[in-house]
Amino acid sequence: MICLILISNLHLFKTCNNGYLQYFYMTFGERILSVRKRLKWSQDELAKKVGTSAPIIGRYERNEIKPAIDTAKAIADALGVTIDFLLGGDDMIMDKQLLQKIKDIESFTKEERIKIYDLIDMAISYHKTKKAYS
């Protein structure tokens, strides 16, 4: 299902699929706001996790100012997304735990990785089949 929403004179297209969202044409601030609201956090809660103030978070969200790179990284870490996502380089919200698991798998031997990939392929196939017949 494709949804079309107007945000700040930009069109936001999002793919609504099992809770996974893809964001297109969103600014840095809109991405922070969107993820923060999805987590049901106030600006103050995010500010405390990042080590800044709620008014500064609000200014980031309104694109009035841009944070320093270390602050942007702290925001991404607090929100559990990649800095690449916040900057608009990647439109898929990626769970940091999933990224860590992928990194861990890369340290496996080739044979172990093939077995893991086969298991993942089976799980994906099962999920798609189950979804098709439900």
C-alpha atoms as a PDB file:
ATOM      1  CA  MET A   1       0.000   0.000   0.000  1.00  0.00           C
ATOM      2  CA  ILE A   2       1.435   3.392  -0.962  1.00  0.00           C
ATOM      3  CA  CYS A   3       0.351   6.408   1.068  1.00  0.00           C
ATOM      4  CA  LEU A   4       0.765  10.027  -0.072  1.00  0.00           C
ATOM      5  CA  ILE A   5       1.045  12.691   2.590  1.00  0.00           C
ATOM      6  CA  LEU A   6       1.888  16.399   2.250  1.00  0.00           C
ATOM      7  CA  ILE A   7       4.516  17.559   4.734  1.00  0.00           C
ATOM      8  CA  SER A   8       6.115  21.008   4.566  1.00  0.00           C
ATOM      9  CA  ASN A   9       5.320  21.362   0.868  1.00  0.00           C
ATOM     10  CA  LEU A  10       7.124  18.087   0.168  1.00  0.00           C
ATOM     11  CA  HIS A  11       5.399  14.894  -0.772  1.00  0.00           C
ATOM     12  CA  LEU A  12       6.156  12.007   1.515  1.00  0.00           C
ATOM     13  CA  PHE A  13       5.662   8.595   0.015  1.00  0.00           C
ATOM     14  CA  LYS A  14       5.746   5.773   2.482  1.00  0.00           C
ATOM     15  CA  THR A  15       5.380   2.074   1.953  1.00  0.00           C
ATOM     16  CA  CYS A  16       3.139   0.740   4.697  1.00  0.00           C
ATOM     17  CA  ASN A  17       4.049  -2.925   5.057  1.00  0.00           C
ATOM     18  CA  ASN A  18       4.020  -4.811   8.357  1.00  0.00           C
ATOM     19  CA  GLY A  19       5.160  -1.753  10.314  1.00  0.00           C
ATOM     20  CA  TYR A  20       8.240  -1.168   8.169  1.00  0.00           C
ATOM     21  CA  LEU A  21       8.199   2.293   6.703  1.00  0.00           C
ATOM     22  CA  GLN A  22      10.161   3.833   3.900  1.00  0.00           C
ATOM     23  CA  TYR A  23      10.505   7.608   3.852  1.00  0.00           C
ATOM     24  CA  PHE A  24      11.259   9.623   0.739  1.00  0.00           C
ATOM     25  CA  TYR A  25      11.901  13.359   0.343  1.00  0.00           C
ATOM     26  CA  MET A  26      12.042  14.052   4.051  1.00  0.00           C
ATOM     27  CA  THR A  27      14.457  16.511   5.572  1.00  0.00           C
ATOM     28  CA  PHE A  28      16.858  15.706   8.392  1.00  0.00           C
ATOM     29  CA  GLY A  29      14.520  17.360  10.904  1.00  0.00           C
ATOM     30  CA  GLU A  30      11.412  15.606   9.589  1.00  0.00           C
ATOM     31  CA  ARG A  31      13.155  12.256   9.937  1.00  0.00           C
ATOM     32  CA  ILE A  32      14.077  13.005  13.560  1.00  0.00           C
ATOM     33  CA  LEU A  33      10.506  14.094  14.281  1.00  0.00           C
ATOM     34  CA  SER A  34       9.006  11.056  12.575  1.00  0.00           C
ATOM     35  CA  VAL A  35      11.134   8.505  14.420  1.00  0.00           C
ATOM     36  CA  ARG A  36      10.767  10.330  17.742  1.00  0.00           C
ATOM     37  CA  LYS A  37       6.965  10.286  17.392  1.00  0.00           C
ATOM     38  CA  ARG A  38       7.007   6.608  16.368  1.00  0.00           C
ATOM     39  CA  LEU A  39       8.878   5.921  19.631  1.00  0.00           C
ATOM     40  CA  LYS A  40       6.329   8.097  21.484  1.00  0.00           C
ATOM     41  CA  TRP A  41       9.092  10.240  22.985  1.00  0.00           C
ATOM     42  CA  SER A  42       8.836  13.906  23.857  1.00  0.00           C
ATOM     43  CA  GLN A  43      11.466  16.360  22.678  1.00  0.00           C
ATOM     44  CA  ASP A  44      12.639  16.517  26.290  1.00  0.00           C
ATOM     45  CA  GLU A  45      13.113  12.735  26.476  1.00  0.00           C
ATOM     46  CA  LEU A  46      15.205  12.733  23.294  1.00  0.00           C
ATOM     47  CA  ALA A  47      17.159  15.774  24.483  1.00  0.00           C
ATOM     48  CA  LYS A  48      18.099  14.036  27.740  1.00  0.00           C
ATOM     49  CA  LYS A  49      19.331  10.961  25.853  1.00  0.00           C
ATOM     50  CA  VAL A  50      21.390  13.154  23.516  1.00  0.00           C
ATOM     51  CA  GLY A  51      22.664  15.603  26.140  1.00  0.00           C
ATOM     52  CA  THR A  52      21.003  18.759  24.856  1.00  0.00           C
ATOM     53  CA  SER A  53      17.775  20.683  25.488  1.00  0.00           C
ATOM     54  CA  ALA A  54      14.235  20.213  24.164  1.00  0.00           C
ATOM     55  CA  PRO A  55      14.212  23.636  22.419  1.00  0.00           C
ATOM     56  CA  ILE A  56      17.352  22.637  20.487  1.00  0.00           C
ATOM     57  CA  ILE A  57      15.711  19.348  19.420  1.00  0.00           C
ATOM     58  CA  GLY A  58      12.718  21.397  18.252  1.00  0.00           C
ATOM     59  CA  ARG A  59      14.988  23.628  16.180  1.00  0.00           C
ATOM     60  CA  TYR A  60      16.583  20.549  14.589  1.00  0.00           C
ATOM     61  CA  GLU A  61      13.136  19.138  13.799  1.00  0.00           C
ATOM     62  CA  ARG A  62      12.045  22.427  12.203  1.00  0.00           C
ATOM     63  CA  ASN A  63      15.303  22.530  10.207  1.00  0.00           C
ATOM     64  CA  GLU A  64      16.199  25.881  11.718  1.00  0.00           C
ATOM     65  CA  ILE A  65      19.671  24.666  12.653  1.00  0.00           C
ATOM     66  CA  LYS A  66      21.797  21.599  11.936  1.00  0.00           C
ATOM     67  CA  PRO A  67      23.644  19.712  14.685  1.00  0.00           C
ATOM     68  CA  ALA A  68      27.368  19.059  14.768  1.00  0.00           C
ATOM     69  CA  ILE A  69      28.290  15.624  13.428  1.00  0.00           C
ATOM     70  CA  ASP A  70      28.851  14.198  16.915  1.00  0.00           C
ATOM     71  CA  THR A  71      25.417  15.435  18.001  1.00  0.00           C
ATOM     72  CA  ALA A  72      23.817  14.004  14.845  1.00  0.00           C
ATOM     73  CA  LYS A  73      25.448  10.645  15.685  1.00  0.00           C
ATOM     74  CA  ALA A  74      24.148  10.861  19.261  1.00  0.00           C
ATOM     75  CA  ILE A  75      20.629  11.566  17.938  1.00  0.00           C
ATOM     76  CA  ALA A  76      20.824   8.597  15.549  1.00  0.00           C
ATOM     77  CA  ASP A  77      22.100   6.329  18.331  1.00  0.00           C
ATOM     78  CA  ALA A  78      19.362   7.468  20.727  1.00  0.00           C
ATOM     79  CA  LEU A  79      16.668   6.904  18.092  1.00  0.00           C
ATOM     80  CA  GLY A  80      18.122   3.516  17.129  1.00  0.00           C
ATOM     81  CA  VAL A  81      18.629   4.420  13.472  1.00  0.00           C
ATOM     82  CA  THR A  82      21.666   5.004  11.315  1.00  0.00           C
ATOM     83  CA  ILE A  83      23.039   8.474  10.726  1.00  0.00           C
ATOM     84  CA  ASP A  84      22.779   7.648   7.018  1.00  0.00           C
ATOM     85  CA  PHE A  85      19.001   7.363   7.452  1.00  0.00           C
ATOM     86  CA  LEU A  86      18.773  10.740   9.209  1.00  0.00           C
ATOM     87  CA  LEU A  87      20.832  12.397   6.485  1.00  0.00           C
ATOM     88  CA  GLY A  88      18.610  10.948   3.768  1.00  0.00           C
ATOM     89  CA  GLY A  89      21.134   8.554   2.261  1.00  0.00           C
ATOM     90  CA  ASP A  90      19.092   5.499   3.180  1.00  0.00           C
ATOM     91  CA  ASP A  91      15.305   5.547   3.123  1.00  0.00           C
ATOM     92  CA  MET A  92      14.721   2.391   5.131  1.00  0.00           C
ATOM     93  CA  ILE A  93      14.719   2.548   8.903  1.00  0.00           C
ATOM     94  CA  MET A  94      17.218  -0.128   9.877  1.00  0.00           C
ATOM     95  CA  ASP A  95      17.201  -1.630  13.327  1.00  0.00           C
ATOM     96  CA  LYS A  96      20.697  -1.311  14.830  1.00  0.00           C
ATOM     97  CA  GLN A  97      20.406  -4.781  16.380  1.00  0.00           C
ATOM     98  CA  LEU A  98      19.807  -6.224  12.921  1.00  0.00           C
ATOM     99  CA  LEU A  99      22.833  -4.356  11.573  1.00  0.00           C
ATOM    100  CA  GLN A 100      24.960  -5.783  14.388  1.00  0.00           C
ATOM    101  CA  LYS A 101      23.772  -9.316  13.587  1.00  0.00           C
ATOM    102  CA  ILE A 102      24.715  -8.807   9.947  1.00  0.00           C
ATOM    103  CA  LYS A 103      28.167  -7.611  11.016  1.00  0.00           C
ATOM    104  CA  ASP A 104      28.535 -10.647  13.285  1.00  0.00           C
ATOM    105  CA  ILE A 105      27.592 -13.012  10.441  1.00  0.00           C
ATOM    106  CA  GLU A 106      30.325 -11.483   8.282  1.00  0.00           C
ATOM    107  CA  SER A 107      32.914 -12.880  10.718  1.00  0.00           C
ATOM    108  CA  PHE A 108      31.667 -16.458  10.128  1.00  0.00           C
ATOM    109  CA  THR A 109      33.409 -18.838   7.771  1.00  0.00           C
ATOM    110  CA  LYS A 110      32.051 -19.024   4.227  1.00  0.00           C
ATOM    111  CA  GLU A 111      30.370 -22.363   4.955  1.00  0.00           C
ATOM    112  CA  GLU A 112      28.714 -20.999   8.111  1.00  0.00           C
ATOM    113  CA  ARG A 113      27.483 -17.912   6.249  1.00  0.00           C
ATOM    114  CA  ILE A 114      25.957 -20.090   3.507  1.00  0.00           C
ATOM    115  CA  LYS A 115      24.049 -22.072   6.169  1.00  0.00           C
ATOM    116  CA  ILE A 116      22.798 -18.871   7.806  1.00  0.00           C
ATOM    117  CA  TYR A 117      21.717 -17.431   4.423  1.00  0.00           C
ATOM    118  CA  ASP A 118      19.868 -20.664   3.647  1.00  0.00           C
ATOM    119  CA  LEU A 119      18.024 -20.446   6.976  1.00  0.00           C
ATOM    120  CA  ILE A 120      17.119 -16.811   6.303  1.00  0.00           C
ATOM    121  CA  ASP A 121      15.909 -17.693   2.789  1.00  0.00           C
ATOM    122  CA  MET A 122      13.725 -20.485   4.229  1.00  0.00           C
ATOM    123  CA  ALA A 123      12.236 -18.135   6.834  1.00  0.00           C
ATOM    124  CA  ILE A 124      11.496 -15.470   4.205  1.00  0.00           C
ATOM    125  CA  SER A 125       9.943 -18.031   1.872  1.00  0.00           C
ATOM    126  CA  TYR A 126       7.797 -19.430   4.690  1.00  0.00           C
ATOM    127  CA  HIS A 127       6.645 -15.917   5.664  1.00  0.00           C
ATOM    128  CA  LYS A 128       5.741 -14.990   2.072  1.00  0.00           C
ATOM    129  CA  THR A 129       3.850 -18.257   1.549  1.00  0.00           C
ATOM    130  CA  LYS A 130       1.990 -17.887   4.826  1.00  0.00           C
ATOM    131  CA  LYS A 131       1.092 -14.299   3.934  1.00  0.00           C
ATOM    132  CA  ALA A 132      -0.086 -15.280   0.432  1.00  0.00           C
ATOM    133  CA  TYR A 133      -2.476 -17.920   1.765  1.00  0.00           C
ATOM    134  CA  SER A 134      -3.827 -16.048   4.766  1.00  0.00           C
END
